[in-house]
Amino acid sequence: MNDKLTELEAKKKEIAGGGGEARVKAQHARGKLTARERIEKLLDAGSFVELSAFCAHRASDFGLGDTVHPGDAVVTGGGTIDGRKVFIYSQDFTVLGGSISEVVGQKVRQIVEMAIDQDAPLIAINDSGGARIQEGVASLCGVGDILLLNALASGSIPQISIIVGPSAGGAVYGPALTDFVFMVKGMGQMYITGPDVVKAVTGEDVTHEALGGADVHAKKSGVSHFTFNSEVDCYDAVRRLLSFIPSSFRDPPPRIGTKKTHALQIDETLNAVVPDDPKKAYDMKKIITAVVDGGDFMETHAAFAPNMIVGFGRLDGQSVGIVAQQPNYLAGVIDINASIKAARFVRFCDAFNIPLISFVDVPGFMPGVDQEHGGIIRHGAKLIFAYAEATVPKITVITRKAYGGAYIVMSSRHLRGDINLAWPCAEIAVMGAEGAVAVIHRKKITESTEPEAERQRCVSEYREKFDNPYQAAALGYIDDVIIPAETRPKLIQALKVLAGKKGKNPAKKHGNIPL
C-alpha cells in the first residue's frame, strides 16, 4: 500500500503541475495565472472539487504520444462562490497551448451537464489556441460538444465566460453563446482567424490586440460585456455579478435585506436633474444611482452603444435589471447597436426572473442611410420582440422624451409594460414639437406674413397640448405622474404590487426573433 500511495502522490503532483515547471514559468512570465491558480482566485477558499483529473488524450499522431499530460488541457470541477454552488472549467495553456481535444470536450461536457442538472451557474475560463490540429476531426468533436451544450444550457442556467488568453477559431463561439463575457486587457483576444490568416487572405497587417483584444470587443464588436486591467479585478467582478443573478431559471434572484428607512428614501436632487431646456443633455446614470440601493449599479456593456444603458441594481434588496437611454450620448437615440444591446439584456433578465426597470428619454430611432441599410428595421424589431415577449414584472419611468415608435418600444403599455410612470416633464408624442409643426402646419407657416412668429406660436400650442404626460395618462397608457424625488419608493411599491405576477405567452415551441 505504501508503494501505491507513493505512486498516487506522484501522479497527483504531476496533474497539479500542468504542462510542467518550464511552461508554468513561461505562463507567469506573461503575467498570467495558471488554470488552477485562476480557480483558486475565483472560488471560495477550499471549495473546489476537481473532476476527471486523470483523463488524458488518446491521440498518438504528430508526436502526441510523447506528450501525454494527465487532465489534458483543461481543469474541471465544482465549487462555491459566496456559498453558492457553481461549476467551472479552466483551460490550461501550459498543456499544448490549452488546445481543445476530444478529451477536453468530454471533460467540459461532464461539467456542463452537471450544471444543467443541478441548476447551478457555469463559468468558463478561456485561454486556448482553439481546436487541437494534431487530432484532426476528433478535436472538432470536442469543440462541437462544448458549443452544443452552451446552446442547450442557454436560458436554463447563467453562463459566464472569462477570456484571459487567446480564444480562436470555431471555439470562440463558445463564449459568444454564453450570457456574459469578461476580458482582461493585454491578455484576452478573441477572433475567428488570427493575424497571420488575415494577412494571407486580405493582405491586412493587424496585431492580435488590434484584431481581437479587450478594447475592440468592448467598444466595437460588442462581444465583451466587461473589461479589466487585471485578472484579480476580473474575478472580483464575476463574483459581484453573481450576487445579482439567480442560479437557474427555476430560482428567484438573490435578495439582500435593507433598512425600512433606506427603502423609503426620497431624493430631492432628482427634481432638478432634467434641464428646463428640452434640447439640453443630462446624465441618466445620476438618476439610476440615486434610485437603486446604496447607489450600487453594475453596468454591463458600458463601452458598447453608450446611448443605451443596461445593468443590474437592487431596490429594497431585490435584484432588478435596468434599461435606460443616455441623453448625454447621441441624445439617447436608439440605433442598431443600442437595439441589439438592450434586446439581449432584456431577454437575459426575462429568462432568469429578474424584474425590468426602464428609464425612458428617447427622441426616436437613429435616422440615416447607414442605419437603414445596416438593418435598423430588423435590429430595432429585436428590442420590440424582447420587451413584448418578456413576462417578468416590467416597470417604466418616462423622465422626459418618449417619441414615436421609440416610445412604444421602451416597455410601453402597448408592449405589456405592467406599470408605467412618468415625471411631470415627460413629453409623450408621435414626434417632437418642432418636427410635428413642420409637418402639420407647413402651409399655415408658409402663407403667414410673419412665418417665424407663426411657427413659434404653433410650436407652443403643440407643446402645451401634447408634450406632457397627461394625455397619455387620460388614455390609460400612464398609470401615474410622479414627483421625481419619489421615484425610488414608487418603484419599490410597484415591485410589491407585481410580486405575484404570473405572466405567460401563447403556447408555442419558441418564437422567431428577428435577426
Protein backbone atom coordinates (compact mmCIF):
# COMPACT_ATOMS: atom_id res chain seq x y z
CA MET A 1 0.00 0.00 0.00
CA ASN A 2 2.84 2.40 0.78
CA ASP A 3 4.16 1.96 -2.77
CA LYS A 4 0.72 2.61 -4.22
CA LEU A 5 0.27 5.71 -2.07
CA THR A 6 3.64 6.98 -3.23
CA GLU A 7 2.63 6.36 -6.84
CA LEU A 8 -0.69 8.17 -6.30
CA GLU A 9 1.06 11.15 -4.72
CA ALA A 10 3.42 11.37 -7.70
CA LYS A 11 0.54 11.24 -10.18
CA LYS A 12 -1.38 13.94 -8.33
CA LYS A 13 1.72 16.12 -8.25
CA GLU A 14 2.10 15.64 -12.00
CA ILE A 15 -1.56 16.61 -12.53
CA ALA A 16 -1.18 19.74 -10.39
CA GLY A 17 1.93 20.70 -12.36
CA GLY A 18 0.02 21.10 -15.62
CA GLY A 19 2.43 21.26 -18.54
CA GLY A 20 5.49 21.22 -16.31
CA GLU A 21 7.63 23.70 -14.44
CA ALA A 22 9.10 25.37 -17.53
CA ARG A 23 5.72 26.05 -19.09
CA VAL A 24 4.28 27.28 -15.78
CA LYS A 25 7.18 29.72 -15.50
CA ALA A 26 6.52 30.89 -19.07
CA GLN A 27 2.86 31.45 -18.18
CA HIS A 28 3.83 33.52 -15.15
CA ALA A 29 6.37 35.45 -17.24
CA ARG A 30 3.48 36.59 -19.45
CA GLY A 31 1.81 37.98 -16.34
CA LYS A 32 -0.80 35.23 -16.41
CA LEU A 33 -2.03 32.83 -13.75
CA THR A 34 -2.25 29.09 -14.30
CA ALA A 35 -5.57 27.29 -14.72
CA ARG A 36 -5.66 26.15 -11.09
CA GLU A 37 -4.49 29.49 -9.71
CA ARG A 38 -7.38 31.13 -11.52
CA ILE A 39 -9.89 28.78 -9.99
CA GLU A 40 -8.43 29.45 -6.53
CA LYS A 41 -8.75 33.23 -7.04
CA LEU A 42 -12.37 32.97 -8.17
CA LEU A 43 -13.96 30.35 -5.91
CA ASP A 44 -14.43 30.32 -2.15
CA ALA A 45 -11.26 29.10 -0.45
CA GLY A 46 -11.06 25.32 -0.25
CA SER A 47 -14.36 24.74 -2.06
CA PHE A 48 -13.08 23.41 -5.40
CA VAL A 49 -13.64 19.73 -6.15
CA GLU A 50 -11.78 18.63 -9.26
CA LEU A 51 -13.31 16.01 -11.56
CA SER A 52 -11.82 13.77 -14.26
CA ALA A 53 -8.33 14.79 -13.22
CA PHE A 54 -6.69 11.66 -14.62
CA CYS A 55 -8.27 11.91 -18.10
CA ALA A 56 -5.63 12.07 -20.84
CA HIS A 57 -5.81 12.32 -24.61
CA ARG A 58 -5.63 9.11 -26.62
CA ALA A 59 -4.05 10.52 -29.79
CA SER A 60 -0.59 9.45 -30.98
CA ASP A 61 -0.11 11.17 -34.36
CA PHE A 62 2.40 14.02 -34.84
CA GLY A 63 4.27 13.14 -31.65
CA LEU A 64 1.25 13.45 -29.33
CA GLY A 65 2.01 10.02 -27.91
CA ASP A 66 5.13 11.52 -26.33
CA THR A 67 3.30 14.48 -24.72
CA VAL A 68 0.57 12.93 -22.61
CA HIS A 69 -0.48 15.04 -19.62
CA PRO A 70 -2.98 13.75 -17.02
CA GLY A 71 -6.03 16.00 -17.05
CA ASP A 72 -5.19 17.15 -20.58
CA ALA A 73 -5.56 20.88 -21.30
CA VAL A 74 -8.47 21.76 -19.02
CA VAL A 75 -9.19 21.69 -15.28
CA THR A 76 -12.84 20.94 -14.46
CA GLY A 77 -14.95 20.68 -11.34
CA GLY A 78 -17.36 22.34 -8.97
CA GLY A 79 -17.14 24.70 -6.02
CA THR A 80 -18.85 27.68 -4.44
CA ILE A 81 -18.90 31.47 -4.74
CA ASP A 82 -20.23 33.20 -1.64
CA GLY A 83 -21.54 29.80 -0.61
CA ARG A 84 -23.49 29.20 -3.82
CA LYS A 85 -22.67 26.20 -5.96
CA VAL A 86 -21.06 26.80 -9.36
CA PHE A 87 -19.43 24.56 -11.94
CA ILE A 88 -16.27 25.68 -13.64
CA TYR A 89 -13.70 24.76 -16.25
CA SER A 90 -10.37 26.48 -16.77
CA GLN A 91 -8.32 25.90 -19.90
CA ASP A 92 -4.66 25.14 -19.19
CA PHE A 93 -2.41 26.96 -21.64
CA THR A 94 0.65 25.18 -20.24
CA VAL A 95 -0.61 21.92 -21.79
CA LEU A 96 -0.42 22.04 -25.58
CA GLY A 97 -1.46 25.69 -25.60
CA GLY A 98 -4.77 24.90 -23.91
CA SER A 99 -5.96 23.38 -27.19
CA ILE A 100 -9.32 21.64 -27.27
CA SER A 101 -9.09 17.89 -27.80
CA GLU A 102 -11.67 15.15 -27.87
CA VAL A 103 -10.97 14.52 -24.18
CA VAL A 104 -11.17 18.22 -23.29
CA GLY A 105 -14.62 18.26 -24.88
CA GLN A 106 -15.55 15.16 -22.90
CA LYS A 107 -14.47 16.77 -19.61
CA VAL A 108 -16.30 20.02 -20.31
CA ARG A 109 -19.42 18.14 -21.37
CA GLN A 110 -19.49 16.39 -17.98
CA ILE A 111 -19.34 19.73 -16.15
CA VAL A 112 -21.99 21.47 -18.25
CA GLU A 113 -24.39 18.55 -17.93
CA MET A 114 -23.91 18.62 -14.15
CA ALA A 115 -24.54 22.37 -14.05
CA ILE A 116 -27.78 21.99 -16.01
CA ASP A 117 -28.92 19.03 -13.92
CA GLN A 118 -28.15 20.75 -10.61
CA ASP A 119 -29.38 24.25 -11.59
CA ALA A 120 -26.01 25.90 -10.99
CA PRO A 121 -24.17 28.64 -12.93
CA LEU A 122 -21.41 27.65 -15.34
CA ILE A 123 -18.13 29.58 -15.52
CA ALA A 124 -15.58 29.08 -18.30
CA ILE A 125 -12.04 30.47 -18.07
CA ASN A 126 -10.71 30.59 -21.62
CA ASP A 127 -7.01 30.51 -22.52
CA SER A 128 -6.68 28.35 -25.62
CA GLY A 129 -5.41 28.33 -29.17
CA GLY A 130 -8.55 26.54 -30.34
CA ALA A 131 -9.04 23.04 -31.69
CA ARG A 132 -6.04 20.70 -31.43
CA ILE A 133 -4.85 20.41 -35.03
CA GLN A 134 -2.93 17.18 -34.44
CA GLU A 135 -6.17 15.34 -33.57
CA GLY A 136 -7.99 16.30 -36.74
CA VAL A 137 -11.75 15.86 -36.71
CA ALA A 138 -11.68 14.31 -33.22
CA SER A 139 -10.76 17.71 -31.81
CA LEU A 140 -13.63 19.27 -33.74
CA CYS A 141 -15.89 16.78 -31.97
CA GLY A 142 -14.61 18.23 -28.68
CA VAL A 143 -15.37 21.79 -29.82
CA GLY A 144 -18.79 20.75 -31.12
CA ASP A 145 -19.71 19.11 -27.83
CA ILE A 146 -18.99 22.35 -25.98
CA LEU A 147 -20.92 24.53 -28.44
CA LEU A 148 -23.94 22.22 -28.35
CA LEU A 149 -24.17 22.32 -24.58
CA ASN A 150 -23.63 26.09 -24.44
CA ALA A 151 -26.66 26.43 -26.71
CA LEU A 152 -28.79 23.94 -24.79
CA ALA A 153 -27.90 25.48 -21.43
CA SER A 154 -28.91 28.97 -22.60
CA GLY A 155 -31.81 30.30 -20.55
CA SER A 156 -31.57 27.35 -18.16
CA ILE A 157 -28.50 28.39 -16.16
CA PRO A 158 -26.39 31.56 -16.26
CA GLN A 159 -23.21 31.07 -18.30
CA ILE A 160 -20.17 33.29 -17.84
CA SER A 161 -17.01 33.32 -19.97
CA ILE A 162 -13.72 34.82 -18.81
CA ILE A 163 -11.17 35.50 -21.57
CA VAL A 164 -7.65 35.62 -20.14
CA GLY A 165 -5.75 34.38 -23.16
CA PRO A 166 -6.44 33.58 -26.80
CA SER A 167 -9.81 32.23 -27.84
CA ALA A 168 -9.65 31.40 -31.50
CA GLY A 169 -11.34 29.63 -34.38
CA GLY A 170 -14.66 27.84 -34.03
CA ALA A 171 -14.07 27.55 -30.28
CA VAL A 172 -14.63 31.32 -29.91
CA TYR A 173 -18.33 30.72 -30.45
CA GLY A 174 -18.46 29.06 -27.02
CA PRO A 175 -18.05 32.41 -25.20
CA ALA A 176 -20.34 34.10 -27.73
CA LEU A 177 -23.11 31.66 -26.79
CA THR A 178 -22.80 32.44 -23.09
CA ASP A 179 -24.58 35.25 -21.26
CA PHE A 180 -21.67 37.44 -20.19
CA VAL A 181 -18.10 37.75 -21.45
CA PHE A 182 -15.33 39.19 -19.24
CA MET A 183 -11.98 40.14 -20.79
CA VAL A 184 -8.64 41.23 -19.33
CA LYS A 185 -6.70 43.87 -21.27
CA GLY A 186 -3.41 42.76 -22.76
CA MET A 187 -4.25 39.09 -22.17
CA GLY A 188 -7.52 38.14 -23.77
CA GLN A 189 -8.08 38.01 -27.51
CA MET A 190 -10.99 36.61 -29.46
CA TYR A 191 -11.07 36.08 -33.22
CA ILE A 192 -12.23 33.54 -35.77
CA THR A 193 -9.00 33.82 -37.76
CA GLY A 194 -5.72 35.18 -36.40
CA PRO A 195 -3.49 37.91 -37.82
CA ASP A 196 -1.49 35.51 -40.00
CA VAL A 197 -4.58 34.20 -41.78
CA VAL A 198 -5.98 37.72 -42.13
CA LYS A 199 -2.70 38.79 -43.76
CA ALA A 200 -2.69 35.84 -46.13
CA VAL A 201 -6.31 36.24 -47.22
CA THR A 202 -6.91 40.01 -47.19
CA GLY A 203 -3.42 41.48 -47.14
CA GLU A 204 -4.19 43.42 -43.95
CA ASP A 205 -1.48 43.79 -41.31
CA VAL A 206 -3.01 43.67 -37.83
CA THR A 207 -1.82 42.74 -34.36
CA HIS A 208 -3.53 40.23 -32.10
CA GLU A 209 -4.69 43.05 -29.82
CA ALA A 210 -5.97 45.27 -32.63
CA LEU A 211 -7.81 42.35 -34.21
CA GLY A 212 -9.49 40.87 -31.18
CA GLY A 213 -8.31 42.49 -27.96
CA ALA A 214 -10.42 43.52 -24.99
CA ASP A 215 -10.98 47.13 -26.09
CA VAL A 216 -12.00 46.07 -29.60
CA HIS A 217 -14.69 43.72 -28.32
CA ALA A 218 -15.84 46.10 -25.59
CA LYS A 219 -16.26 49.13 -27.87
CA LYS A 220 -16.64 47.97 -31.47
CA SER A 221 -17.98 44.43 -31.77
CA GLY A 222 -19.93 44.31 -28.51
CA VAL A 223 -18.82 40.71 -27.92
CA SER A 224 -17.40 41.55 -24.48
CA HIS A 225 -19.51 42.90 -21.61
CA PHE A 226 -16.79 43.73 -19.07
CA THR A 227 -13.14 44.80 -19.40
CA PHE A 228 -10.50 44.81 -16.65
CA ASN A 229 -6.83 45.63 -16.21
CA SER A 230 -6.00 42.56 -14.12
CA GLU A 231 -7.18 39.01 -13.58
CA VAL A 232 -7.86 39.66 -9.89
CA ASP A 233 -10.16 42.60 -10.67
CA CYS A 234 -11.91 40.46 -13.26
CA TYR A 235 -12.62 37.61 -10.82
CA ASP A 236 -13.90 40.06 -8.20
CA ALA A 237 -16.36 41.40 -10.78
CA VAL A 238 -17.56 37.91 -11.67
CA ARG A 239 -18.35 37.31 -8.01
CA ARG A 240 -20.19 40.64 -7.88
CA LEU A 241 -22.25 39.82 -10.98
CA LEU A 242 -23.33 36.50 -9.50
CA SER A 243 -24.67 38.35 -6.44
CA PHE A 244 -27.34 39.92 -8.70
CA ILE A 245 -28.48 36.83 -10.60
CA PRO A 246 -30.11 33.50 -9.64
CA SER A 247 -28.52 30.09 -10.02
CA SER A 248 -31.03 28.98 -12.65
CA PHE A 249 -34.32 29.84 -14.32
CA ARG A 250 -36.12 27.99 -11.50
CA ASP A 251 -34.92 30.38 -8.79
CA PRO A 252 -35.73 33.97 -7.85
CA PRO A 253 -32.79 36.40 -7.90
CA PRO A 254 -30.79 36.72 -4.66
CA ARG A 255 -32.28 39.19 -2.18
CA ILE A 256 -30.38 41.32 0.32
CA GLY A 257 -32.09 42.81 3.38
CA THR A 258 -32.29 46.60 3.74
CA LYS A 259 -33.48 49.01 6.42
CA LYS A 260 -37.03 50.30 6.04
CA THR A 261 -35.90 53.91 6.27
CA HIS A 262 -33.49 53.34 3.41
CA ALA A 263 -36.15 51.66 1.31
CA LEU A 264 -38.45 54.70 1.54
CA GLN A 265 -35.69 57.18 0.84
CA ILE A 266 -36.66 60.29 -1.16
CA ASP A 267 -34.01 62.15 -3.16
CA GLU A 268 -34.83 65.82 -3.74
CA THR A 269 -31.94 66.20 -6.20
CA LEU A 270 -33.99 64.27 -8.76
CA ASN A 271 -36.40 67.19 -9.02
CA ALA A 272 -33.67 69.22 -10.69
CA VAL A 273 -31.78 66.64 -12.75
CA VAL A 274 -33.68 67.17 -16.03
CA PRO A 275 -32.86 70.57 -17.61
CA ASP A 276 -35.66 73.02 -18.38
CA ASP A 277 -34.41 73.25 -21.95
CA PRO A 278 -35.55 70.03 -23.73
CA LYS A 279 -32.53 70.24 -26.02
CA LYS A 280 -30.02 70.04 -23.17
CA ALA A 281 -28.43 66.75 -22.16
CA TYR A 282 -28.06 65.25 -18.69
CA ASP A 283 -26.59 62.07 -17.24
CA MET A 284 -29.18 59.30 -16.81
CA LYS A 285 -26.77 57.43 -14.53
CA LYS A 286 -27.35 60.12 -11.90
CA ILE A 287 -30.99 59.04 -11.80
CA ILE A 288 -30.16 55.35 -11.71
CA THR A 289 -27.62 55.60 -8.88
CA ALA A 290 -29.96 57.87 -6.90
CA VAL A 291 -32.74 55.29 -7.13
CA VAL A 292 -31.01 51.92 -6.55
CA ASP A 293 -29.93 50.64 -3.13
CA GLY A 294 -26.78 52.39 -1.96
CA GLY A 295 -26.11 53.75 -5.46
CA ASP A 296 -24.81 50.27 -6.36
CA PHE A 297 -25.32 49.88 -10.12
CA MET A 298 -23.37 47.25 -12.06
CA GLU A 299 -23.42 48.42 -15.65
CA THR A 300 -22.85 45.84 -18.37
CA HIS A 301 -21.70 46.53 -21.93
CA ALA A 302 -20.71 50.02 -20.74
CA ALA A 303 -18.36 50.84 -23.65
CA PHE A 304 -20.62 49.50 -26.42
CA ALA A 305 -23.51 51.64 -27.68
CA PRO A 306 -23.28 54.07 -24.73
CA ASN A 307 -26.51 55.77 -25.86
CA MET A 308 -28.23 52.80 -24.18
CA ILE A 309 -27.52 51.86 -20.55
CA VAL A 310 -28.10 48.34 -19.21
CA GLY A 311 -27.10 46.78 -15.92
CA PHE A 312 -28.10 45.46 -12.52
CA GLY A 313 -29.11 47.14 -9.29
CA ARG A 314 -31.31 46.49 -6.27
CA LEU A 315 -34.49 48.06 -4.97
CA ASP A 316 -35.20 47.32 -1.32
CA GLY A 317 -32.83 44.36 -1.63
CA GLN A 318 -34.44 42.89 -4.75
CA SER A 319 -32.30 42.48 -7.86
CA VAL A 320 -33.58 44.32 -10.92
CA GLY A 321 -32.39 44.76 -14.47
CA ILE A 322 -32.21 48.36 -15.63
CA VAL A 323 -32.54 49.58 -19.22
CA ALA A 324 -32.25 53.29 -19.94
CA GLN A 325 -31.40 55.85 -22.59
CA GLN A 326 -28.35 58.05 -22.06
CA PRO A 327 -29.21 61.63 -23.13
CA ASN A 328 -25.51 62.50 -22.76
CA TYR A 329 -24.65 60.41 -25.84
CA LEU A 330 -26.39 60.89 -29.19
CA ALA A 331 -29.32 62.34 -27.22
CA GLY A 332 -30.25 58.78 -26.22
CA VAL A 333 -31.40 57.87 -29.71
CA ILE A 334 -31.89 54.14 -30.44
CA ASP A 335 -29.57 52.86 -33.16
CA ILE A 336 -28.65 49.37 -34.37
CA ASN A 337 -26.11 48.63 -31.64
CA ALA A 338 -28.32 50.02 -28.88
CA SER A 339 -31.19 47.82 -30.06
CA ILE A 340 -29.06 44.68 -30.03
CA LYS A 341 -27.52 45.51 -26.67
CA ALA A 342 -30.80 46.19 -24.92
CA ALA A 343 -32.69 43.28 -26.52
CA ARG A 344 -30.08 40.78 -25.38
CA PHE A 345 -30.14 42.16 -21.83
CA VAL A 346 -33.94 42.17 -21.63
CA ARG A 347 -34.06 38.54 -22.74
CA PHE A 348 -31.47 37.55 -20.13
CA CYS A 349 -33.46 39.20 -17.34
CA ASP A 350 -36.68 37.60 -18.53
CA ALA A 351 -35.04 34.15 -18.72
CA PHE A 352 -33.86 34.42 -15.11
CA ASN A 353 -36.84 36.05 -13.39
CA ILE A 354 -35.23 39.46 -12.91
CA PRO A 355 -37.78 42.34 -12.97
CA LEU A 356 -37.10 45.08 -15.52
CA ILE A 357 -36.99 48.80 -14.78
CA SER A 358 -36.87 51.06 -17.85
CA PHE A 359 -35.94 54.74 -17.66
CA VAL A 360 -37.03 56.45 -20.86
CA ASP A 361 -35.77 59.61 -22.51
CA VAL A 362 -35.72 58.80 -26.20
CA PRO A 363 -36.21 61.14 -29.19
CA GLY A 364 -36.63 58.23 -31.61
CA PHE A 365 -34.69 55.76 -33.73
CA MET A 366 -31.48 56.91 -35.40
CA PRO A 367 -32.14 58.23 -38.92
CA GLY A 368 -29.72 57.88 -41.83
CA VAL A 369 -28.75 55.80 -44.83
CA ASP A 370 -26.15 53.77 -42.91
CA GLN A 371 -28.70 52.80 -40.26
CA GLU A 372 -31.39 51.89 -42.78
CA HIS A 373 -29.02 49.88 -44.95
CA GLY A 374 -27.47 48.31 -41.86
CA GLY A 375 -30.85 46.89 -40.87
CA ILE A 376 -32.23 49.21 -38.20
CA ILE A 377 -35.66 47.77 -39.02
CA ARG A 378 -34.80 44.19 -38.15
CA HIS A 379 -32.44 45.12 -35.32
CA GLY A 380 -34.93 47.53 -33.78
CA ALA A 381 -37.51 44.74 -34.03
CA LYS A 382 -35.32 42.65 -31.72
CA LEU A 383 -35.93 45.12 -28.93
CA ILE A 384 -39.67 45.12 -29.61
CA PHE A 385 -39.67 41.32 -29.58
CA ALA A 386 -37.68 41.15 -26.34
CA TYR A 387 -39.92 43.52 -24.38
CA ALA A 388 -43.14 42.09 -25.82
CA GLU A 389 -42.16 38.50 -25.04
CA ALA A 390 -40.86 39.21 -21.52
CA THR A 391 -43.17 38.01 -18.74
CA VAL A 392 -41.24 39.32 -15.72
CA PRO A 393 -42.56 42.44 -13.94
CA LYS A 394 -41.91 45.44 -16.19
CA ILE A 395 -41.95 48.98 -14.77
CA THR A 396 -41.30 52.06 -16.87
CA VAL A 397 -40.44 55.61 -15.86
CA ILE A 398 -40.55 58.27 -18.59
CA THR A 399 -38.23 61.04 -17.43
CA ARG A 400 -38.51 63.30 -20.46
CA LYS A 401 -38.89 62.47 -24.18
CA ALA A 402 -40.82 59.45 -25.41
CA TYR A 403 -41.47 59.94 -29.11
CA GLY A 404 -42.98 57.78 -31.82
CA GLY A 405 -42.01 54.16 -32.26
CA ALA A 406 -39.23 54.55 -29.71
CA TYR A 407 -41.88 55.31 -27.06
CA ILE A 408 -43.70 52.11 -27.96
CA VAL A 409 -40.52 50.03 -27.89
CA MET A 410 -39.40 51.05 -24.41
CA SER A 411 -41.68 48.81 -22.36
CA SER A 412 -44.80 50.86 -23.04
CA ARG A 413 -48.27 49.67 -22.03
CA HIS A 414 -48.69 48.61 -25.66
CA LEU A 415 -45.91 46.00 -25.26
CA ARG A 416 -47.33 44.71 -21.98
CA GLY A 417 -45.48 47.07 -19.67
CA ASP A 418 -47.11 46.42 -16.30
CA ILE A 419 -46.80 49.76 -14.52
CA ASN A 420 -45.93 52.88 -16.48
CA LEU A 421 -44.95 56.04 -14.63
CA ALA A 422 -43.95 59.48 -15.86
CA TRP A 423 -42.32 62.56 -14.46
CA PRO A 424 -44.23 65.87 -14.90
CA CYS A 425 -41.69 66.96 -17.54
CA ALA A 426 -42.38 63.89 -19.70
CA GLU A 427 -43.13 64.53 -23.38
CA ILE A 428 -45.13 61.71 -24.94
CA ALA A 429 -45.98 62.26 -28.60
CA VAL A 430 -45.54 60.97 -32.13
CA MET A 431 -42.58 63.32 -32.54
CA GLY A 432 -41.07 66.46 -31.04
CA ALA A 433 -42.90 69.75 -31.33
CA GLU A 434 -40.53 71.28 -33.89
CA GLY A 435 -40.80 68.33 -36.27
CA ALA A 436 -44.53 67.92 -35.78
CA VAL A 437 -45.26 71.58 -36.52
CA ALA A 438 -43.12 71.45 -39.65
CA VAL A 439 -45.42 68.71 -40.96
CA ILE A 440 -48.83 69.74 -39.61
CA HIS A 441 -48.64 73.50 -40.07
CA ARG A 442 -46.32 73.79 -43.06
CA LYS A 443 -48.86 75.56 -45.24
CA LYS A 444 -50.06 77.88 -42.46
CA ILE A 445 -46.49 78.94 -41.65
CA THR A 446 -45.53 79.43 -45.29
CA GLU A 447 -48.55 81.61 -46.02
CA SER A 448 -48.21 83.70 -42.85
CA THR A 449 -47.00 87.30 -43.09
CA GLU A 450 -44.76 86.54 -40.09
CA PRO A 451 -43.64 82.90 -40.65
CA GLU A 452 -41.27 82.65 -37.69
CA ALA A 453 -43.75 84.11 -35.21
CA GLU A 454 -46.44 81.78 -36.56
CA ARG A 455 -44.12 78.81 -36.28
CA GLN A 456 -43.27 79.68 -32.66
CA ARG A 457 -46.97 80.05 -31.85
CA CYS A 458 -47.72 76.63 -33.37
CA VAL A 459 -44.83 75.03 -31.51
CA SER A 460 -46.03 76.48 -28.20
CA GLU A 461 -49.57 75.28 -28.90
CA TYR A 462 -48.35 71.77 -29.78
CA ARG A 463 -46.16 71.55 -26.68
CA GLU A 464 -49.00 72.64 -24.44
CA LYS A 465 -51.30 70.01 -25.87
CA PHE A 466 -49.03 67.05 -26.49
CA ASP A 467 -45.61 67.49 -24.84
CA ASN A 468 -46.79 66.36 -21.42
CA PRO A 469 -47.74 63.08 -19.75
CA TYR A 470 -51.39 63.92 -19.11
CA GLN A 471 -52.98 62.99 -22.43
CA ALA A 472 -51.33 59.54 -22.25
CA ALA A 473 -52.45 59.24 -18.62
CA ALA A 474 -56.01 60.18 -19.57
CA LEU A 475 -55.99 57.38 -22.14
CA GLY A 476 -54.74 54.86 -19.55
CA TYR A 477 -51.24 54.48 -21.02
CA ILE A 478 -49.59 56.08 -17.97
CA ASP A 479 -50.57 54.82 -14.53
CA ASP A 480 -49.28 57.76 -12.53
CA VAL A 481 -47.42 61.04 -12.90
CA ILE A 482 -44.97 61.13 -10.02
CA ILE A 483 -42.70 63.62 -8.29
CA PRO A 484 -39.14 62.77 -9.44
CA ALA A 485 -37.85 62.77 -5.86
CA GLU A 486 -40.28 59.94 -5.04
CA THR A 487 -39.15 57.65 -7.86
CA ARG A 488 -37.38 55.14 -5.58
CA PRO A 489 -40.30 54.48 -3.18
CA LYS A 490 -42.74 54.42 -6.12
CA LEU A 491 -40.67 51.74 -7.86
CA ILE A 492 -40.40 49.68 -4.67
CA GLN A 493 -44.18 49.88 -4.22
CA ALA A 494 -44.69 48.86 -7.85
CA LEU A 495 -42.44 45.82 -7.41
CA LYS A 496 -44.51 44.75 -4.39
CA VAL A 497 -47.73 45.09 -6.40
CA LEU A 498 -46.24 42.91 -9.15
CA ALA A 499 -44.64 40.34 -6.85
CA GLY A 500 -47.22 37.68 -7.67
CA LYS A 501 -47.27 38.23 -11.43
CA LYS A 502 -47.85 35.08 -13.48
CA GLY A 503 -47.21 36.28 -16.99
CA LYS A 504 -47.36 33.82 -19.86
CA ASN A 505 -47.16 33.74 -23.64
CA PRO A 506 -49.28 31.83 -26.17
CA ALA A 507 -48.42 28.13 -26.45
CA LYS A 508 -45.63 27.56 -28.96
CA LYS A 509 -42.33 25.77 -29.43
CA HIS A 510 -40.49 29.11 -29.44
CA GLY A 511 -40.73 32.48 -31.09
CA ASN A 512 -38.66 33.53 -34.10
CA ILE A 513 -36.74 36.61 -33.01
CA PRO A 514 -35.82 38.96 -35.87
CA LEU A 515 -32.21 38.53 -36.98
